[in-house]
Amino acid sequence: DYNIIPSRNILMAYINYITSVSNNLTLVMDNSQYKEIFTKGLIIANEALNKEIKKDPSNSLLYNRKAVVDSISFLVFSNPQYFTDAITDSNQAIALSPEHVQYYFNLADTYLIAQQTKQAINVMQTALQINSQYKDTYFYLAKAYLADKQLDKALRYAVLFLRYGYQPQNENFFAVLANGFLERSDYKQTIATWELYLKYNQNNGRAINQLIKLYLQTGAEQSAAVLAQKVTISNPAFAKDADYIIGKIQAGQVQELLQEMEGKTK
């Protein structure tokens, strides 16, 4: 209000803070004090963005940031108007700066929040046409296909985004994809999903554990033993577990081993 610091600088810092907090939305919404502060913050951010847009209506970044805040607000308040506003603002940002592929990511995410998966796929296919060299595009397209239950296409684009060097923050994408294949009793693709992730994340315990179980469940005991032994090269701390697994396999106690592994994951 006093114009000591340009209002847009303060606002953008505040928006970045709001969006970072939203990464822990469940935790925030489960705490009455946090929830009250956060919901007020969303309203303040939205009003401030509207003011900045009035000052500079041709600034694509402002529309993009408002679309993000609207998407978070839609999750928090369950008011469909926020979804409509998020779509409108994202499209306006894209109209002003159509070559900025990250704006398409935000638009696709908004559609995914509303479970409009086909629209999210269309948006990401457009982004891919604009810039086929941007690794994040392949991840967002894979995510959209996964949400739409097109698992084979999701896996195909996962191969591409990993090849281009995109690394998800954790293995959740691959876990959901693998579980999707498993629900269809497609063990071949379930194994292929975890093998792909492990290829680029050699020490991921979840992937190692899942693959060994899948090998054992499908009668590929030798593959399980080879993987257990291979992992010790890059992760010596796994040596004791590897020896135990290999010993059980050699003793023909595969079912007992599977029951033990299932018990540890519950």
Protein backbone atom coordinates (compact mmCIF):
# COMPACT_ATOMS: atom_id res chain seq x y z
CA ASP A 1 0.00 0.00 0.00
CA TYR A 2 2.90 2.40 0.73
CA ASN A 3 4.73 1.45 -2.50
CA ILE A 4 8.03 1.09 -0.63
CA ILE A 5 8.75 -2.05 -2.65
CA PRO A 6 7.13 -2.72 -6.03
CA SER A 7 3.87 -4.54 -5.25
CA ARG A 8 4.46 -7.16 -7.93
CA ASN A 9 7.74 -8.30 -6.36
CA ILE A 10 6.02 -8.84 -3.01
CA LEU A 11 3.06 -10.56 -4.64
CA MET A 12 5.18 -13.01 -6.66
CA ALA A 13 7.13 -13.98 -3.55
CA TYR A 14 3.83 -14.51 -1.73
CA ILE A 15 2.41 -16.61 -4.58
CA ASN A 16 5.54 -18.78 -4.55
CA TYR A 17 5.04 -19.28 -0.82
CA ILE A 18 1.35 -20.14 -1.23
CA THR A 19 2.08 -22.72 -3.93
CA SER A 20 4.87 -24.30 -1.88
CA VAL A 21 2.52 -24.67 1.09
CA SER A 22 -0.07 -26.30 -1.18
CA ASN A 23 2.37 -29.18 -1.75
CA ASN A 24 1.37 -30.29 1.77
CA LEU A 25 -2.30 -29.52 1.33
CA THR A 26 -3.62 -32.52 3.25
CA LEU A 27 -1.53 -31.62 6.28
CA VAL A 28 -2.64 -28.00 6.10
CA MET A 29 -6.34 -28.79 5.74
CA ASP A 30 -6.26 -31.25 8.64
CA ASN A 31 -5.11 -28.50 11.01
CA SER A 32 -7.80 -25.92 11.79
CA GLN A 33 -5.30 -23.12 12.47
CA TYR A 34 -3.27 -23.80 9.34
CA LYS A 35 -6.44 -24.12 7.28
CA GLU A 36 -7.78 -20.75 8.42
CA ILE A 37 -4.50 -18.96 7.66
CA PHE A 38 -4.05 -20.70 4.32
CA THR A 39 -7.59 -20.05 3.07
CA LYS A 40 -7.27 -16.37 3.95
CA GLY A 41 -3.95 -16.32 2.13
CA LEU A 42 -5.55 -17.71 -1.02
CA ILE A 43 -8.22 -15.01 -0.98
CA ILE A 44 -5.62 -12.28 -0.43
CA ALA A 45 -3.43 -13.65 -3.24
CA ASN A 46 -6.36 -13.81 -5.64
CA GLU A 47 -7.44 -10.24 -4.93
CA ALA A 48 -3.88 -8.95 -5.25
CA LEU A 49 -3.43 -10.72 -8.59
CA ASN A 50 -6.61 -9.17 -9.92
CA LYS A 51 -5.22 -5.72 -9.02
CA GLU A 52 -1.92 -6.42 -10.78
CA ILE A 53 -3.72 -7.70 -13.88
CA LYS A 54 -5.73 -4.46 -14.04
CA LYS A 55 -2.43 -2.54 -13.99
CA ASP A 56 -0.84 -4.75 -16.65
CA PRO A 57 -3.49 -6.72 -18.60
CA SER A 58 -1.05 -7.97 -21.23
CA ASN A 59 1.29 -9.72 -18.78
CA SER A 60 1.02 -13.48 -19.40
CA LEU A 61 2.84 -14.41 -16.18
CA LEU A 62 0.19 -12.71 -14.04
CA TYR A 63 -2.57 -14.74 -15.69
CA ASN A 64 -0.52 -17.90 -15.24
CA ARG A 65 0.03 -17.25 -11.55
CA LYS A 66 -3.63 -16.47 -11.06
CA ALA A 67 -4.55 -19.74 -12.79
CA VAL A 68 -2.34 -21.62 -10.32
CA VAL A 69 -3.94 -19.89 -7.32
CA ASP A 70 -7.40 -20.56 -8.78
CA SER A 71 -6.56 -24.27 -9.17
CA ILE A 72 -5.45 -24.49 -5.55
CA SER A 73 -8.58 -22.60 -4.49
CA PHE A 74 -10.72 -25.07 -6.44
CA LEU A 75 -9.15 -27.91 -4.45
CA VAL A 76 -9.63 -26.09 -1.15
CA PHE A 77 -13.09 -24.55 -1.55
CA SER A 78 -14.64 -27.02 -4.05
CA ASN A 79 -16.18 -24.03 -5.81
CA PRO A 80 -16.49 -24.74 -9.58
CA GLN A 81 -16.08 -21.03 -10.31
CA TYR A 82 -12.42 -21.32 -9.36
CA PHE A 83 -12.01 -24.12 -11.91
CA THR A 84 -13.65 -21.96 -14.59
CA ASP A 85 -11.41 -19.04 -13.67
CA ALA A 86 -8.29 -21.23 -13.73
CA ILE A 87 -9.09 -22.46 -17.25
CA THR A 88 -9.87 -18.94 -18.45
CA ASP A 89 -6.70 -17.47 -16.95
CA SER A 90 -4.48 -20.27 -18.28
CA ASN A 91 -5.89 -19.85 -21.77
CA GLN A 92 -5.31 -16.10 -21.54
CA ALA A 93 -1.68 -16.67 -20.49
CA ILE A 94 -1.22 -19.04 -23.44
CA ALA A 95 -2.86 -16.58 -25.85
CA LEU A 96 -0.41 -13.89 -24.74
CA SER A 97 2.61 -16.21 -24.76
CA PRO A 98 1.81 -19.34 -26.83
CA GLU A 99 5.44 -20.52 -26.96
CA HIS A 100 5.72 -20.77 -23.16
CA VAL A 101 5.18 -24.52 -22.68
CA GLN A 102 5.01 -24.33 -18.87
CA TYR A 103 1.70 -22.53 -19.17
CA TYR A 104 0.33 -25.65 -20.85
CA PHE A 105 1.51 -27.74 -17.89
CA ASN A 106 -0.54 -25.64 -15.51
CA LEU A 107 -3.59 -25.87 -17.76
CA ALA A 108 -3.23 -29.66 -17.98
CA ASP A 109 -2.88 -29.91 -14.20
CA THR A 110 -6.10 -27.94 -13.76
CA TYR A 111 -7.95 -30.37 -16.02
CA LEU A 112 -6.45 -33.29 -14.08
CA ILE A 113 -7.61 -31.80 -10.78
CA ALA A 114 -11.14 -31.77 -12.22
CA GLN A 115 -10.61 -35.32 -13.60
CA GLN A 116 -11.06 -34.08 -17.16
CA THR A 117 -8.26 -36.30 -18.42
CA LYS A 118 -8.99 -36.15 -22.15
CA GLN A 119 -8.66 -32.37 -22.12
CA ALA A 120 -5.37 -32.64 -20.23
CA ILE A 121 -4.03 -35.03 -22.89
CA ASN A 122 -5.05 -32.66 -25.69
CA VAL A 123 -3.32 -29.75 -23.97
CA MET A 124 -0.08 -31.70 -23.55
CA GLN A 125 -0.13 -32.95 -27.13
CA THR A 126 -0.30 -29.31 -28.21
CA ALA A 127 2.64 -28.48 -25.93
CA LEU A 128 4.62 -31.34 -27.46
CA GLN A 129 4.02 -29.93 -30.94
CA ILE A 130 5.34 -26.56 -29.80
CA ASN A 131 8.54 -27.95 -28.29
CA SER A 132 9.38 -31.64 -28.64
CA GLN A 133 12.77 -31.22 -26.95
CA TYR A 134 11.49 -30.12 -23.55
CA LYS A 135 11.77 -33.09 -21.19
CA ASP A 136 9.05 -31.94 -18.77
CA THR A 137 6.47 -32.12 -21.57
CA TYR A 138 6.88 -35.88 -21.84
CA PHE A 139 6.36 -36.29 -18.10
CA TYR A 140 3.17 -34.22 -18.06
CA LEU A 141 1.83 -36.10 -21.07
CA ALA A 142 2.67 -39.43 -19.40
CA LYS A 143 0.90 -38.22 -16.24
CA ALA A 144 -2.19 -37.29 -18.26
CA TYR A 145 -2.26 -40.70 -19.97
CA LEU A 146 -1.88 -42.38 -16.58
CA ALA A 147 -4.82 -40.43 -15.17
CA ASP A 148 -6.84 -41.47 -18.24
CA LYS A 149 -5.96 -45.16 -17.59
CA GLN A 150 -4.07 -45.38 -20.90
CA LEU A 151 -1.29 -47.27 -19.17
CA ASP A 152 0.68 -48.43 -22.21
CA LYS A 153 0.94 -44.87 -23.51
CA ALA A 154 1.90 -43.63 -20.05
CA LEU A 155 4.74 -46.18 -19.97
CA ARG A 156 5.81 -45.25 -23.50
CA TYR A 157 6.19 -41.59 -22.57
CA ALA A 158 7.87 -42.52 -19.29
CA VAL A 159 10.60 -44.14 -21.38
CA LEU A 160 10.98 -40.85 -23.23
CA PHE A 161 11.03 -38.45 -20.27
CA LEU A 162 13.62 -40.57 -18.48
CA ARG A 163 15.70 -40.75 -21.65
CA TYR A 164 15.55 -36.96 -21.95
CA GLY A 165 16.73 -36.66 -18.35
CA TYR A 166 13.55 -35.77 -16.46
CA GLN A 167 13.58 -37.24 -12.95
CA PRO A 168 10.33 -37.26 -10.94
CA GLN A 169 10.68 -36.13 -7.33
CA ASN A 170 9.85 -39.66 -6.14
CA GLU A 171 8.71 -43.03 -7.46
CA ASN A 172 4.96 -42.37 -7.03
CA PHE A 173 4.27 -42.03 -10.76
CA PHE A 174 5.83 -45.44 -11.39
CA ALA A 175 4.12 -47.00 -8.37
CA VAL A 176 0.69 -45.89 -9.61
CA LEU A 177 1.49 -47.05 -13.14
CA ALA A 178 2.77 -50.43 -11.95
CA ASN A 179 -0.28 -50.92 -9.72
CA GLY A 180 -2.50 -50.12 -12.68
CA PHE A 181 -0.90 -52.88 -14.73
CA LEU A 182 -1.02 -55.23 -11.74
CA GLU A 183 -4.76 -54.67 -11.32
CA ARG A 184 -5.09 -55.92 -14.89
CA SER A 185 -2.91 -58.94 -14.06
CA ASP A 186 -0.43 -57.67 -16.64
CA TYR A 187 2.73 -58.85 -14.90
CA LYS A 188 4.89 -58.25 -17.95
CA GLN A 189 4.18 -54.51 -18.03
CA THR A 190 4.24 -54.27 -14.23
CA ILE A 191 7.76 -55.66 -14.26
CA ALA A 192 8.72 -53.45 -17.22
CA THR A 193 7.57 -50.36 -15.27
CA TRP A 194 9.72 -51.10 -12.23
CA GLU A 195 12.66 -52.20 -14.38
CA LEU A 196 12.50 -48.88 -16.21
CA TYR A 197 12.51 -46.88 -12.99
CA LEU A 198 15.31 -48.95 -11.46
CA LYS A 199 17.42 -48.43 -14.58
CA TYR A 200 17.65 -44.72 -13.72
CA ASN A 201 17.40 -45.06 -9.92
CA GLN A 202 19.56 -48.05 -9.07
CA ASN A 203 19.37 -47.74 -5.28
CA ASN A 204 15.63 -47.21 -4.91
CA GLY A 205 14.55 -49.67 -2.24
CA ARG A 206 10.90 -49.69 -3.24
CA ALA A 207 11.67 -50.59 -6.85
CA ILE A 208 14.14 -53.30 -5.80
CA ASN A 209 11.66 -54.84 -3.38
CA GLN A 210 8.78 -54.74 -5.86
CA LEU A 211 10.85 -56.26 -8.66
CA ILE A 212 12.17 -59.10 -6.55
CA LYS A 213 8.62 -59.93 -5.40
CA LEU A 214 7.31 -59.81 -8.97
CA TYR A 215 10.10 -62.05 -10.24
CA LEU A 216 9.33 -64.57 -7.50
CA GLN A 217 5.58 -64.38 -8.11
CA THR A 218 6.05 -65.07 -11.83
CA GLY A 219 8.48 -67.94 -11.38
CA ALA A 220 11.57 -65.96 -12.39
CA GLU A 221 13.60 -66.94 -9.32
CA GLN A 222 16.88 -66.62 -11.19
CA SER A 223 16.07 -63.04 -12.16
CA ALA A 224 15.31 -62.27 -8.51
CA ALA A 225 18.64 -63.74 -7.41
CA VAL A 226 20.56 -61.89 -10.14
CA LEU A 227 18.92 -58.57 -9.17
CA ALA A 228 19.65 -59.14 -5.47
CA GLN A 229 23.29 -59.82 -6.27
CA LYS A 230 23.56 -56.92 -8.72
CA VAL A 231 22.20 -54.40 -6.24
CA THR A 232 25.00 -55.14 -3.77
CA ILE A 233 27.52 -53.71 -6.25
CA SER A 234 26.00 -50.23 -6.10
CA ASN A 235 24.62 -50.60 -2.57
CA PRO A 236 26.89 -52.73 -0.32
CA ALA A 237 24.52 -52.16 2.61
CA PHE A 238 22.09 -54.50 0.84
CA ALA A 239 24.57 -57.41 0.88
CA LYS A 240 23.12 -59.10 3.98
CA ASP A 241 19.56 -58.97 2.63
CA ALA A 242 20.77 -60.15 -0.77
CA ASP A 243 22.49 -63.18 0.74
CA TYR A 244 19.33 -64.03 2.68
CA ILE A 245 17.14 -63.76 -0.43
CA ILE A 246 19.51 -65.82 -2.55
CA GLY A 247 19.77 -68.45 0.20
CA LYS A 248 16.00 -68.77 0.42
CA ILE A 249 15.72 -69.13 -3.35
CA GLN A 250 18.43 -71.78 -3.48
CA ALA A 251 16.71 -73.67 -0.65
CA GLY A 252 13.45 -73.70 -2.60
CA GLN A 253 11.68 -71.57 0.02
CA VAL A 254 10.23 -69.04 -2.40
CA GLN A 255 6.71 -68.96 -0.90
CA GLU A 256 8.10 -68.45 2.58
CA LEU A 257 10.28 -65.62 1.27
CA LEU A 258 7.32 -63.98 -0.45
CA GLN A 259 5.27 -64.11 2.74
CA GLU A 260 8.12 -62.46 4.64
CA MET A 261 8.46 -59.72 2.04
CA GLU A 262 4.70 -59.11 2.03
CA GLY A 263 4.75 -58.83 5.82
CA LYS A 264 7.49 -56.19 5.73
CA THR A 265 5.57 -54.00 3.28
CA LYS A 266 2.29 -54.02 5.26
